[in-house]
Amino acid sequence: MKFNVVVKIGCLGFCCFVVGWMVAIQQCPYSQHTTSAFKGWIQEAKPPATTKRPPQPDYFIYHRDETTWHPCNITCNDPSKFTKTALHTSYGDTPIFIYSSIEDKHVSGSLLRDGRWEPQFVDLISGLLREDDDLHFIDLGTNVGVFALSIAKMNRKVVAVDALAMNVQRLCASIKAGNFTKNIKLVHNALSDVRESVPLGVDKGNVGGTFVAKDKNINKVKGSEVGGDYGTVQTALLDDLLDLPGFNAKKAVMKIDVEGYENRVFRGGNKFFQSVNVTAVLMEWMWLKTGPAGQEIVDFFKSHNFIPTVPSDKRPLPIDQRGFWPNDVLWRRRV
């Protein structure tokens, strides 16, 4: 008898506890969540709903303002207004969009006639890259992209930089036509040692001769038929490429042709050369044989342990006789 009474009292106490608990959770700020948890004891929980994220755009053209990188708003969805030809490379032909020979007598004229531009230097760069599978290619002053496209055809990674929007539009179209969006990152900026807006000067009949008109190289101006401008463009630093989305080069070969402005580019690139093992730099020297800009470049490369050589045979050049160097120089890092 006493045992039955104890059992009944125990059952009554438990029922009161459950009822009291249910009343309490209805008054709790988290009652909806807690009630759901309680119901889960007596029915199978439903799997949580998942929301699929929309696919992220795969950008390959970027622009840097004074603070950060952004996907570039330059488009090339209608290349029909551009002149098109085939670029001949050692790894096969690829489409390239260029200018008429009247607009651009040197680079585009040569491509229309022969399908090539400076093939000896393209072969030099590709040969240097073949020395190490991990080498990337950095193309500063890419113009319509002869070097960039040729190296992408090797299935190598390329960062191509140009200041002129017309060039970026054409190279964008060439990248898409050649299916190189995974190989080439294209940057629309001029490079300098300060971040600012600068005007671009016109070299008449020679789009490849476009130059930064602020603090322009006097040798370039005297040796070219200049006049007018293409408007302005934002500058970035060579060091800024280290923060370019997707940039992961540890070792690289570089080509630079920015019409006498190279000293300003390297002035903003010490961190880049300290962070990336640049093994060789091919550069135009014709505007740098005299004047302070050339000496500044010599001092920069000496500080990073490079020596100047003749591109054709890699023969060392006398460091103190830059006025007699050829129009193109290959800087090699000492091993």
C-alpha atoms as a PDB file:
ATOM      1  CA  MET A   1       0.000   0.000   0.000  1.00  0.00           C
ATOM      2  CA  LYS A   2       2.738   2.439   1.003  1.00  0.00           C
ATOM      3  CA  PHE A   3       4.619   1.504  -2.179  1.00  0.00           C
ATOM      4  CA  ASN A   4       1.609   2.325  -4.407  1.00  0.00           C
ATOM      5  CA  VAL A   5       1.202   5.694  -2.716  1.00  0.00           C
ATOM      6  CA  VAL A   6       4.860   6.522  -3.322  1.00  0.00           C
ATOM      7  CA  VAL A   7       4.584   5.582  -7.004  1.00  0.00           C
ATOM      8  CA  LYS A   8       1.438   7.676  -7.441  1.00  0.00           C
ATOM      9  CA  ILE A   9       3.025  10.685  -5.745  1.00  0.00           C
ATOM     10  CA  GLY A  10       6.164  10.293  -7.900  1.00  0.00           C
ATOM     11  CA  CYS A  11       4.152  10.139 -11.125  1.00  0.00           C
ATOM     12  CA  LEU A  12       2.101  13.143 -10.080  1.00  0.00           C
ATOM     13  CA  GLY A  13       5.304  15.115  -9.312  1.00  0.00           C
ATOM     14  CA  PHE A  14       6.839  14.295 -12.680  1.00  0.00           C
ATOM     15  CA  CYS A  15       3.678  15.313 -14.529  1.00  0.00           C
ATOM     16  CA  CYS A  16       3.601  18.622 -12.645  1.00  0.00           C
ATOM     17  CA  PHE A  17       7.246  19.207 -13.594  1.00  0.00           C
ATOM     18  CA  VAL A  18       6.567  18.618 -17.296  1.00  0.00           C
ATOM     19  CA  VAL A  19       3.476  20.865 -17.298  1.00  0.00           C
ATOM     20  CA  GLY A  20       5.363  23.590 -15.444  1.00  0.00           C
ATOM     21  CA  TRP A  21       8.263  23.376 -17.832  1.00  0.00           C
ATOM     22  CA  MET A  22       5.971  23.645 -20.868  1.00  0.00           C
ATOM     23  CA  VAL A  23       4.309  26.745 -19.410  1.00  0.00           C
ATOM     24  CA  ALA A  24       7.669  28.306 -18.674  1.00  0.00           C
ATOM     25  CA  ILE A  25       9.066  27.875 -22.173  1.00  0.00           C
ATOM     26  CA  GLN A  26       6.003  29.523 -23.678  1.00  0.00           C
ATOM     27  CA  GLN A  27       6.995  32.677 -21.783  1.00  0.00           C
ATOM     28  CA  CYS A  28      10.750  32.500 -22.721  1.00  0.00           C
ATOM     29  CA  PRO A  29      12.172  34.892 -25.329  1.00  0.00           C
ATOM     30  CA  TYR A  30      13.521  31.831 -27.138  1.00  0.00           C
ATOM     31  CA  SER A  31      10.287  29.854 -26.820  1.00  0.00           C
ATOM     32  CA  GLN A  32       9.983  29.106 -30.549  1.00  0.00           C
ATOM     33  CA  HIS A  33      13.454  27.599 -30.654  1.00  0.00           C
ATOM     34  CA  THR A  34      13.023  25.694 -27.363  1.00  0.00           C
ATOM     35  CA  THR A  35       9.601  24.336 -28.260  1.00  0.00           C
ATOM     36  CA  SER A  36      11.000  23.060 -31.526  1.00  0.00           C
ATOM     37  CA  ALA A  37      13.740  21.349 -29.586  1.00  0.00           C
ATOM     38  CA  PHE A  38      11.188  19.676 -27.320  1.00  0.00           C
ATOM     39  CA  LYS A  39       9.112  18.513 -30.286  1.00  0.00           C
ATOM     40  CA  GLY A  40      12.250  16.996 -31.700  1.00  0.00           C
ATOM     41  CA  TRP A  41      12.103  14.419 -28.890  1.00  0.00           C
ATOM     42  CA  ILE A  42       8.882  13.001 -30.200  1.00  0.00           C
ATOM     43  CA  GLN A  43       9.307  13.398 -33.961  1.00  0.00           C
ATOM     44  CA  GLU A  44      12.192  12.990 -36.349  1.00  0.00           C
ATOM     45  CA  ALA A  45      14.018  16.262 -37.018  1.00  0.00           C
ATOM     46  CA  LYS A  46      13.918  17.570 -40.585  1.00  0.00           C
ATOM     47  CA  PRO A  47      17.285  18.253 -42.273  1.00  0.00           C
ATOM     48  CA  PRO A  48      18.182  21.966 -42.308  1.00  0.00           C
ATOM     49  CA  ALA A  49      17.392  23.835 -45.492  1.00  0.00           C
ATOM     50  CA  THR A  50      20.428  24.913 -47.520  1.00  0.00           C
ATOM     51  CA  THR A  51      20.699  27.934 -49.776  1.00  0.00           C
ATOM     52  CA  LYS A  52      22.970  27.686 -52.799  1.00  0.00           C
ATOM     53  CA  ARG A  53      25.277  30.631 -53.299  1.00  0.00           C
ATOM     54  CA  PRO A  54      25.216  32.141 -56.771  1.00  0.00           C
ATOM     55  CA  PRO A  55      28.372  31.391 -58.779  1.00  0.00           C
ATOM     56  CA  GLN A  56      31.017  34.105 -58.431  1.00  0.00           C
ATOM     57  CA  PRO A  57      32.155  35.825 -61.636  1.00  0.00           C
ATOM     58  CA  ASP A  58      35.589  34.753 -62.834  1.00  0.00           C
ATOM     59  CA  TYR A  59      37.236  38.121 -63.453  1.00  0.00           C
ATOM     60  CA  PHE A  60      40.447  38.399 -65.426  1.00  0.00           C
ATOM     61  CA  ILE A  61      40.634  42.201 -65.896  1.00  0.00           C
ATOM     62  CA  TYR A  62      41.408  44.418 -62.924  1.00  0.00           C
ATOM     63  CA  HIS A  63      41.949  48.096 -62.169  1.00  0.00           C
ATOM     64  CA  ARG A  64      43.413  49.665 -59.045  1.00  0.00           C
ATOM     65  CA  ASP A  65      42.242  52.961 -57.602  1.00  0.00           C
ATOM     66  CA  GLU A  66      44.226  54.779 -54.912  1.00  0.00           C
ATOM     67  CA  THR A  67      43.296  52.230 -52.248  1.00  0.00           C
ATOM     68  CA  THR A  68      42.421  48.803 -53.635  1.00  0.00           C
ATOM     69  CA  TRP A  69      41.878  46.507 -56.625  1.00  0.00           C
ATOM     70  CA  HIS A  70      38.529  46.216 -58.414  1.00  0.00           C
ATOM     71  CA  PRO A  71      37.217  44.188 -61.348  1.00  0.00           C
ATOM     72  CA  CYS A  72      37.631  46.434 -64.380  1.00  0.00           C
ATOM     73  CA  ASN A  73      34.552  47.726 -66.196  1.00  0.00           C
ATOM     74  CA  ILE A  74      36.232  47.526 -69.620  1.00  0.00           C
ATOM     75  CA  THR A  75      34.381  45.070 -71.849  1.00  0.00           C
ATOM     76  CA  CYS A  76      35.131  43.443 -75.186  1.00  0.00           C
ATOM     77  CA  ASN A  77      31.879  41.719 -76.046  1.00  0.00           C
ATOM     78  CA  ASP A  78      31.782  43.193 -79.559  1.00  0.00           C
ATOM     79  CA  PRO A  79      35.247  42.849 -81.135  1.00  0.00           C
ATOM     80  CA  SER A  80      33.874  43.281 -84.659  1.00  0.00           C
ATOM     81  CA  LYS A  81      35.098  46.895 -84.706  1.00  0.00           C
ATOM     82  CA  PHE A  82      38.701  45.747 -84.179  1.00  0.00           C
ATOM     83  CA  THR A  83      41.125  44.522 -86.835  1.00  0.00           C
ATOM     84  CA  LYS A  84      41.766  40.813 -86.398  1.00  0.00           C
ATOM     85  CA  THR A  85      44.677  38.681 -87.538  1.00  0.00           C
ATOM     86  CA  ALA A  86      46.576  35.541 -86.505  1.00  0.00           C
ATOM     87  CA  LEU A  87      49.553  35.729 -84.176  1.00  0.00           C
ATOM     88  CA  HIS A  88      52.144  33.105 -85.091  1.00  0.00           C
ATOM     89  CA  THR A  89      53.882  31.544 -82.085  1.00  0.00           C
ATOM     90  CA  SER A  90      56.175  28.571 -81.585  1.00  0.00           C
ATOM     91  CA  TYR A  91      53.209  26.786 -79.978  1.00  0.00           C
ATOM     92  CA  GLY A  92      50.718  27.489 -82.756  1.00  0.00           C
ATOM     93  CA  ASP A  93      48.605  30.405 -83.983  1.00  0.00           C
ATOM     94  CA  THR A  94      46.162  32.356 -81.852  1.00  0.00           C
ATOM     95  CA  PRO A  95      43.760  35.210 -82.734  1.00  0.00           C
ATOM     96  CA  ILE A  96      44.900  38.739 -81.947  1.00  0.00           C
ATOM     97  CA  PHE A  97      42.925  41.977 -82.237  1.00  0.00           C
ATOM     98  CA  ILE A  98      44.965  44.974 -83.308  1.00  0.00           C
ATOM     99  CA  TYR A  99      44.808  48.336 -85.143  1.00  0.00           C
ATOM    100  CA  SER A 100      45.059  49.241 -88.784  1.00  0.00           C
ATOM    101  CA  SER A 101      48.576  49.806 -90.099  1.00  0.00           C
ATOM    102  CA  ILE A 102      47.739  53.510 -90.471  1.00  0.00           C
ATOM    103  CA  GLU A 103      46.840  53.828 -86.802  1.00  0.00           C
ATOM    104  CA  ASP A 104      49.739  51.678 -85.615  1.00  0.00           C
ATOM    105  CA  LYS A 105      52.465  51.312 -88.226  1.00  0.00           C
ATOM    106  CA  HIS A 106      54.980  49.333 -86.188  1.00  0.00           C
ATOM    107  CA  VAL A 107      53.356  46.594 -84.070  1.00  0.00           C
ATOM    108  CA  SER A 108      50.042  46.207 -85.912  1.00  0.00           C
ATOM    109  CA  GLY A 109      51.717  46.773 -89.291  1.00  0.00           C
ATOM    110  CA  SER A 110      54.181  43.957 -88.611  1.00  0.00           C
ATOM    111  CA  LEU A 111      51.434  41.625 -87.389  1.00  0.00           C
ATOM    112  CA  LEU A 112      49.349  42.257 -90.500  1.00  0.00           C
ATOM    113  CA  ARG A 113      52.321  41.591 -92.776  1.00  0.00           C
ATOM    114  CA  ASP A 114      54.041  38.722 -90.982  1.00  0.00           C
ATOM    115  CA  GLY A 115      51.886  37.604 -88.079  1.00  0.00           C
ATOM    116  CA  ARG A 116      54.764  38.430 -85.724  1.00  0.00           C
ATOM    117  CA  TRP A 117      56.337  41.268 -83.763  1.00  0.00           C
ATOM    118  CA  GLU A 118      59.857  41.043 -82.342  1.00  0.00           C
ATOM    119  CA  PRO A 119      59.885  37.236 -82.655  1.00  0.00           C
ATOM    120  CA  GLN A 120      63.505  37.058 -81.468  1.00  0.00           C
ATOM    121  CA  PHE A 121      62.495  38.564 -78.124  1.00  0.00           C
ATOM    122  CA  VAL A 122      59.342  36.449 -77.809  1.00  0.00           C
ATOM    123  CA  ASP A 123      61.512  33.359 -78.355  1.00  0.00           C
ATOM    124  CA  LEU A 124      64.021  34.681 -75.804  1.00  0.00           C
ATOM    125  CA  ILE A 125      61.302  35.042 -73.150  1.00  0.00           C
ATOM    126  CA  SER A 126      59.798  31.630 -73.895  1.00  0.00           C
ATOM    127  CA  GLY A 127      63.269  30.075 -73.673  1.00  0.00           C
ATOM    128  CA  LEU A 128      63.889  31.651 -70.263  1.00  0.00           C
ATOM    129  CA  LEU A 129      60.531  30.360 -69.030  1.00  0.00           C
ATOM    130  CA  ARG A 130      61.310  26.845 -70.189  1.00  0.00           C
ATOM    131  CA  GLU A 131      64.244  26.804 -67.766  1.00  0.00           C
ATOM    132  CA  ASP A 132      61.821  26.475 -64.846  1.00  0.00           C
ATOM    133  CA  ASP A 133      58.197  25.301 -64.891  1.00  0.00           C
ATOM    134  CA  ASP A 134      57.370  27.503 -61.904  1.00  0.00           C
ATOM    135  CA  LEU A 135      58.263  30.782 -63.627  1.00  0.00           C
ATOM    136  CA  HIS A 136      55.414  33.199 -64.368  1.00  0.00           C
ATOM    137  CA  PHE A 137      55.565  36.009 -66.926  1.00  0.00           C
ATOM    138  CA  ILE A 138      55.066  39.681 -66.000  1.00  0.00           C
ATOM    139  CA  ASP A 139      54.392  41.877 -69.057  1.00  0.00           C
ATOM    140  CA  LEU A 140      54.556  45.610 -68.225  1.00  0.00           C
ATOM    141  CA  GLY A 141      53.428  47.739 -71.146  1.00  0.00           C
ATOM    142  CA  THR A 142      51.791  44.791 -72.889  1.00  0.00           C
ATOM    143  CA  ASN A 143      50.293  46.888 -75.746  1.00  0.00           C
ATOM    144  CA  VAL A 144      48.057  44.554 -77.837  1.00  0.00           C
ATOM    145  CA  GLY A 145      49.535  41.531 -76.076  1.00  0.00           C
ATOM    146  CA  VAL A 146      52.005  39.889 -78.470  1.00  0.00           C
ATOM    147  CA  PHE A 147      54.207  38.634 -75.637  1.00  0.00           C
ATOM    148  CA  ALA A 148      51.352  37.889 -73.218  1.00  0.00           C
ATOM    149  CA  LEU A 149      49.384  35.818 -75.738  1.00  0.00           C
ATOM    150  CA  SER A 150      52.487  33.971 -76.965  1.00  0.00           C
ATOM    151  CA  ILE A 151      53.403  32.939 -73.427  1.00  0.00           C
ATOM    152  CA  ALA A 152      49.807  32.014 -72.574  1.00  0.00           C
ATOM    153  CA  LYS A 153      49.915  29.749 -75.615  1.00  0.00           C
ATOM    154  CA  MET A 154      52.686  27.897 -73.728  1.00  0.00           C
ATOM    155  CA  ASN A 155      50.094  27.371 -70.966  1.00  0.00           C
ATOM    156  CA  ARG A 156      52.024  29.632 -68.575  1.00  0.00           C
ATOM    157  CA  LYS A 157      50.580  32.171 -66.136  1.00  0.00           C
ATOM    158  CA  VAL A 158      50.794  35.809 -67.220  1.00  0.00           C
ATOM    159  CA  VAL A 159      50.120  39.195 -65.634  1.00  0.00           C
ATOM    160  CA  ALA A 160      49.782  41.813 -68.384  1.00  0.00           C
ATOM    161  CA  VAL A 161      49.626  45.530 -67.558  1.00  0.00           C
ATOM    162  CA  ASP A 162      48.741  48.421 -69.858  1.00  0.00           C
ATOM    163  CA  ALA A 163      47.690  52.030 -69.377  1.00  0.00           C
ATOM    164  CA  LEU A 164      45.719  52.544 -72.589  1.00  0.00           C
ATOM    165  CA  ALA A 165      42.064  51.462 -72.538  1.00  0.00           C
ATOM    166  CA  MET A 166      42.061  50.829 -76.319  1.00  0.00           C
ATOM    167  CA  ASN A 167      44.848  48.269 -75.859  1.00  0.00           C
ATOM    168  CA  VAL A 168      43.085  46.610 -72.928  1.00  0.00           C
ATOM    169  CA  GLN A 169      39.881  46.246 -74.977  1.00  0.00           C
ATOM    170  CA  ARG A 170      41.728  44.549 -77.810  1.00  0.00           C
ATOM    171  CA  LEU A 171      43.733  42.267 -75.567  1.00  0.00           C
ATOM    172  CA  CYS A 172      40.552  41.373 -73.689  1.00  0.00           C
ATOM    173  CA  ALA A 173      39.021  40.235 -76.991  1.00  0.00           C
ATOM    174  CA  SER A 174      42.166  38.271 -77.874  1.00  0.00           C
ATOM    175  CA  ILE A 175      42.186  36.553 -74.477  1.00  0.00           C
ATOM    176  CA  LYS A 176      38.582  35.450 -74.891  1.00  0.00           C
ATOM    177  CA  ALA A 177      39.098  34.327 -78.496  1.00  0.00           C
ATOM    178  CA  GLY A 178      42.135  32.270 -77.505  1.00  0.00           C
ATOM    179  CA  ASN A 179      40.458  30.884 -74.361  1.00  0.00           C
ATOM    180  CA  PHE A 180      43.179  32.330 -72.125  1.00  0.00           C
ATOM    181  CA  THR A 181      41.025  33.730 -69.305  1.00  0.00           C
ATOM    182  CA  LYS A 182      42.592  31.197 -66.908  1.00  0.00           C
ATOM    183  CA  ASN A 183      46.130  32.055 -67.991  1.00  0.00           C
ATOM    184  CA  ILE A 184      46.206  35.855 -68.217  1.00  0.00           C
ATOM    185  CA  LYS A 185      45.315  38.474 -65.629  1.00  0.00           C
ATOM    186  CA  LEU A 186      44.987  41.831 -67.361  1.00  0.00           C
ATOM    187  CA  VAL A 187      45.530  45.093 -65.487  1.00  0.00           C
ATOM    188  CA  HIS A 188      44.380  48.518 -66.707  1.00  0.00           C
ATOM    189  CA  ASN A 189      46.712  50.979 -64.977  1.00  0.00           C
ATOM    190  CA  ALA A 190      49.861  52.903 -65.651  1.00  0.00           C
ATOM    191  CA  LEU A 191      52.668  52.038 -63.241  1.00  0.00           C
ATOM    192  CA  SER A 192      54.602  54.653 -61.297  1.00  0.00           C
ATOM    193  CA  ASP A 193      56.026  55.337 -57.845  1.00  0.00           C
ATOM    194  CA  VAL A 194      52.963  57.328 -56.709  1.00  0.00           C
ATOM    195  CA  ARG A 195      49.240  56.679 -57.049  1.00  0.00           C
ATOM    196  CA  GLU A 196      47.704  59.493 -59.063  1.00  0.00           C
ATOM    197  CA  SER A 197      45.912  60.319 -62.307  1.00  0.00           C
ATOM    198  CA  VAL A 198      48.274  60.968 -65.231  1.00  0.00           C
ATOM    199  CA  PRO A 199      47.763  61.980 -68.884  1.00  0.00           C
ATOM    200  CA  LEU A 200      48.798  59.642 -71.710  1.00  0.00           C
ATOM    201  CA  GLY A 201      50.621  61.213 -74.634  1.00  0.00           C
ATOM    202  CA  VAL A 202      50.094  60.267 -78.287  1.00  0.00           C
ATOM    203  CA  ASP A 203      52.902  59.053 -80.536  1.00  0.00           C
ATOM    204  CA  LYS A 204      51.340  59.686 -83.963  1.00  0.00           C
ATOM    205  CA  GLY A 205      50.840  56.551 -86.035  1.00  0.00           C
ATOM    206  CA  ASN A 206      52.422  54.446 -83.307  1.00  0.00           C
ATOM    207  CA  VAL A 207      50.005  53.280 -80.621  1.00  0.00           C
ATOM    208  CA  GLY A 208      52.829  51.221 -79.145  1.00  0.00           C
ATOM    209  CA  GLY A 209      54.628  54.487 -78.448  1.00  0.00           C
ATOM    210  CA  THR A 210      51.965  55.791 -76.030  1.00  0.00           C
ATOM    211  CA  PHE A 211      53.679  57.369 -73.023  1.00  0.00           C
ATOM    212  CA  VAL A 212      52.955  58.945 -69.641  1.00  0.00           C
ATOM    213  CA  ALA A 213      53.030  62.664 -70.394  1.00  0.00           C
ATOM    214  CA  LYS A 214      53.565  63.809 -66.828  1.00  0.00           C
ATOM    215  CA  ASP A 215      57.311  63.968 -66.050  1.00  0.00           C
ATOM    216  CA  LYS A 216      57.872  62.551 -69.529  1.00  0.00           C
ATOM    217  CA  ASN A 217      61.215  61.266 -70.721  1.00  0.00           C
ATOM    218  CA  ILE A 218      62.808  64.031 -72.810  1.00  0.00           C
ATOM    219  CA  ASN A 219      64.663  61.574 -75.039  1.00  0.00           C
ATOM    220  CA  LYS A 220      61.350  59.888 -75.888  1.00  0.00           C
ATOM    221  CA  VAL A 221      59.682  63.197 -76.771  1.00  0.00           C
ATOM    222  CA  LYS A 222      62.585  64.378 -78.930  1.00  0.00           C
ATOM    223  CA  GLY A 223      62.811  61.059 -80.750  1.00  0.00           C
ATOM    224  CA  SER A 224      59.114  60.650 -81.538  1.00  0.00           C
ATOM    225  CA  GLU A 225      56.348  62.476 -83.384  1.00  0.00           C
ATOM    226  CA  VAL A 226      54.232  63.323 -80.362  1.00  0.00           C
ATOM    227  CA  GLY A 227      51.077  65.413 -80.127  1.00  0.00           C
ATOM    228  CA  GLY A 228      47.750  65.283 -78.279  1.00  0.00           C
ATOM    229  CA  ASP A 229      46.701  62.913 -75.532  1.00  0.00           C
ATOM    230  CA  TYR A 230      44.484  59.892 -74.868  1.00  0.00           C
ATOM    231  CA  GLY A 231      43.049  61.288 -71.644  1.00  0.00           C
ATOM    232  CA  THR A 232      44.089  60.229 -68.165  1.00  0.00           C
ATOM    233  CA  VAL A 233      44.591  56.956 -66.333  1.00  0.00           C
ATOM    234  CA  GLN A 234      45.122  55.973 -62.708  1.00  0.00           C
ATOM    235  CA  THR A 235      48.597  54.846 -61.728  1.00  0.00           C
ATOM    236  CA  ALA A 236      49.471  51.956 -59.438  1.00  0.00           C
ATOM    237  CA  LEU A 237      52.754  50.742 -58.000  1.00  0.00           C
ATOM    238  CA  LEU A 238      54.595  47.667 -59.176  1.00  0.00           C
ATOM    239  CA  ASP A 239      54.476  46.662 -55.502  1.00  0.00           C
ATOM    240  CA  ASP A 240      50.659  46.746 -55.722  1.00  0.00           C
ATOM    241  CA  LEU A 241      50.706  43.710 -58.006  1.00  0.00           C
ATOM    242  CA  LEU A 242      51.554  41.644 -54.936  1.00  0.00           C
ATOM    243  CA  ASP A 243      47.968  42.292 -53.755  1.00  0.00           C
ATOM    244  CA  LEU A 244      46.325  41.664 -57.143  1.00  0.00           C
ATOM    245  CA  PRO A 245      43.526  39.079 -56.660  1.00  0.00           C
ATOM    246  CA  GLY A 246      44.853  35.651 -57.568  1.00  0.00           C
ATOM    247  CA  PHE A 247      48.491  36.745 -57.843  1.00  0.00           C
ATOM    248  CA  ASN A 248      50.674  33.926 -56.536  1.00  0.00           C
ATOM    249  CA  ALA A 249      53.938  34.152 -58.475  1.00  0.00           C
ATOM    250  CA  LYS A 250      57.023  33.223 -56.482  1.00  0.00           C
ATOM    251  CA  LYS A 251      59.372  33.322 -59.472  1.00  0.00           C
ATOM    252  CA  ALA A 252      59.010  35.290 -62.701  1.00  0.00           C
ATOM    253  CA  VAL A 253      60.506  36.601 -65.906  1.00  0.00           C
ATOM    254  CA  MET A 254      59.606  40.199 -66.764  1.00  0.00           C
ATOM    255  CA  LYS A 255      59.341  42.322 -69.888  1.00  0.00           C
ATOM    256  CA  ILE A 256      58.927  46.084 -69.597  1.00  0.00           C
ATOM    257  CA  ASP A 257      58.398  48.681 -72.333  1.00  0.00           C
ATOM    258  CA  VAL A 258      56.827  51.895 -71.045  1.00  0.00           C
ATOM    259  CA  GLU A 259      58.539  54.460 -73.254  1.00  0.00           C
ATOM    260  CA  GLY A 260      61.146  55.932 -70.937  1.00  0.00           C
ATOM    261  CA  TYR A 261      59.060  55.774 -67.743  1.00  0.00           C
ATOM    262  CA  GLU A 262      60.748  52.611 -66.485  1.00  0.00           C
ATOM    263  CA  ASN A 263      62.663  54.373 -63.721  1.00  0.00           C
ATOM    264  CA  ARG A 264      59.394  55.492 -62.113  1.00  0.00           C
ATOM    265  CA  VAL A 265      58.045  51.935 -62.355  1.00  0.00           C
ATOM    266  CA  PHE A 266      61.069  50.425 -60.626  1.00  0.00           C
ATOM    267  CA  ARG A 267      61.100  53.191 -58.035  1.00  0.00           C
ATOM    268  CA  GLY A 268      57.766  51.758 -56.860  1.00  0.00           C
ATOM    269  CA  GLY A 269      58.887  48.132 -57.094  1.00  0.00           C
ATOM    270  CA  ASN A 270      61.478  47.371 -54.416  1.00  0.00           C
ATOM    271  CA  LYS A 271      59.071  45.252 -52.400  1.00  0.00           C
ATOM    272  CA  PHE A 272      58.046  43.346 -55.537  1.00  0.00           C
ATOM    273  CA  PHE A 273      61.658  42.435 -56.340  1.00  0.00           C
ATOM    274  CA  GLN A 274      62.234  41.430 -52.710  1.00  0.00           C
ATOM    275  CA  SER A 275      59.119  39.219 -52.663  1.00  0.00           C
ATOM    276  CA  VAL A 276      59.267  37.645 -56.134  1.00  0.00           C
ATOM    277  CA  ASN A 277      62.375  35.968 -57.488  1.00  0.00           C
ATOM    278  CA  VAL A 278      62.580  37.825 -60.811  1.00  0.00           C
ATOM    279  CA  THR A 279      65.276  35.960 -62.714  1.00  0.00           C
ATOM    280  CA  ALA A 280      65.434  38.157 -65.830  1.00  0.00           C
ATOM    281  CA  VAL A 281      64.071  41.469 -67.136  1.00  0.00           C
ATOM    282  CA  LEU A 282      63.940  42.342 -70.836  1.00  0.00           C
ATOM    283  CA  MET A 283      63.586  46.078 -71.402  1.00  0.00           C
ATOM    284  CA  GLU A 284      63.828  48.733 -74.095  1.00  0.00           C
ATOM    285  CA  TRP A 285      66.899  50.917 -73.559  1.00  0.00           C
ATOM    286  CA  MET A 286      66.838  53.365 -76.464  1.00  0.00           C
ATOM    287  CA  TRP A 287      65.405  56.270 -74.416  1.00  0.00           C
ATOM    288  CA  LEU A 288      67.637  55.599 -71.413  1.00  0.00           C
ATOM    289  CA  LYS A 289      71.163  55.823 -72.793  1.00  0.00           C
ATOM    290  CA  THR A 290      71.540  59.373 -71.514  1.00  0.00           C
ATOM    291  CA  GLY A 291      69.936  61.333 -68.694  1.00  0.00           C
ATOM    292  CA  PRO A 292      69.269  60.564 -65.026  1.00  0.00           C
ATOM    293  CA  ALA A 293      66.492  57.990 -65.602  1.00  0.00           C
ATOM    294  CA  GLY A 294      68.890  55.452 -67.084  1.00  0.00           C
ATOM    295  CA  GLN A 295      71.354  55.796 -64.230  1.00  0.00           C
ATOM    296  CA  GLU A 296      68.549  55.366 -61.703  1.00  0.00           C
ATOM    297  CA  ILE A 297      67.634  52.072 -63.346  1.00  0.00           C
ATOM    298  CA  VAL A 298      71.254  50.906 -63.346  1.00  0.00           C
ATOM    299  CA  ASP A 299      71.459  51.650 -59.623  1.00  0.00           C
ATOM    300  CA  PHE A 300      68.167  49.839 -58.972  1.00  0.00           C
ATOM    301  CA  PHE A 301      69.299  46.643 -60.681  1.00  0.00           C
ATOM    302  CA  LYS A 302      72.730  46.735 -59.058  1.00  0.00           C
ATOM    303  CA  SER A 303      71.007  46.921 -55.668  1.00  0.00           C
ATOM    304  CA  HIS A 304      69.011  43.773 -56.534  1.00  0.00           C
ATOM    305  CA  ASN A 305      72.066  41.876 -57.797  1.00  0.00           C
ATOM    306  CA  PHE A 306      71.400  41.990 -61.560  1.00  0.00           C
ATOM    307  CA  ILE A 307      73.851  42.435 -64.409  1.00  0.00           C
ATOM    308  CA  PRO A 308      73.063  43.886 -67.886  1.00  0.00           C
ATOM    309  CA  THR A 309      73.543  41.567 -70.860  1.00  0.00           C
ATOM    310  CA  VAL A 310      73.059  41.563 -74.628  1.00  0.00           C
ATOM    311  CA  PRO A 311      69.724  39.805 -75.289  1.00  0.00           C
ATOM    312  CA  SER A 312      70.929  37.839 -78.316  1.00  0.00           C
ATOM    313  CA  ASP A 313      73.850  36.058 -76.645  1.00  0.00           C
ATOM    314  CA  LYS A 314      73.547  37.091 -72.958  1.00  0.00           C
ATOM    315  CA  ARG A 315      77.028  38.618 -73.092  1.00  0.00           C
ATOM    316  CA  PRO A 316      77.621  40.964 -70.107  1.00  0.00           C
ATOM    317  CA  LEU A 317      77.627  44.687 -70.827  1.00  0.00           C
ATOM    318  CA  PRO A 318      80.019  47.170 -69.167  1.00  0.00           C
ATOM    319  CA  ILE A 319      77.994  48.660 -66.333  1.00  0.00           C
ATOM    320  CA  ASP A 320      79.580  52.109 -66.690  1.00  0.00           C
ATOM    321  CA  GLN A 321      78.980  52.483 -70.446  1.00  0.00           C
ATOM    322  CA  ARG A 322      75.175  52.480 -70.728  1.00  0.00           C
ATOM    323  CA  GLY A 323      75.329  55.066 -73.518  1.00  0.00           C
ATOM    324  CA  PHE A 324      76.782  52.385 -75.794  1.00  0.00           C
ATOM    325  CA  TRP A 325      74.409  49.601 -74.871  1.00  0.00           C
ATOM    326  CA  PRO A 326      72.022  48.211 -77.534  1.00  0.00           C
ATOM    327  CA  ASN A 327      68.428  49.456 -77.816  1.00  0.00           C
ATOM    328  CA  ASP A 328      67.228  46.471 -75.793  1.00  0.00           C
ATOM    329  CA  VAL A 329      68.883  45.037 -72.680  1.00  0.00           C
ATOM    330  CA  LEU A 330      68.391  41.808 -70.746  1.00  0.00           C
ATOM    331  CA  TRP A 331      69.037  42.097 -67.010  1.00  0.00           C
ATOM    332  CA  ARG A 332      69.967  38.772 -65.406  1.00  0.00           C
ATOM    333  CA  ARG A 333      69.989  38.090 -61.682  1.00  0.00           C
ATOM    334  CA  ARG A 334      73.291  36.741 -60.427  1.00  0.00           C
ATOM    335  CA  VAL A 335      72.963  33.162 -59.223  1.00  0.00           C
END
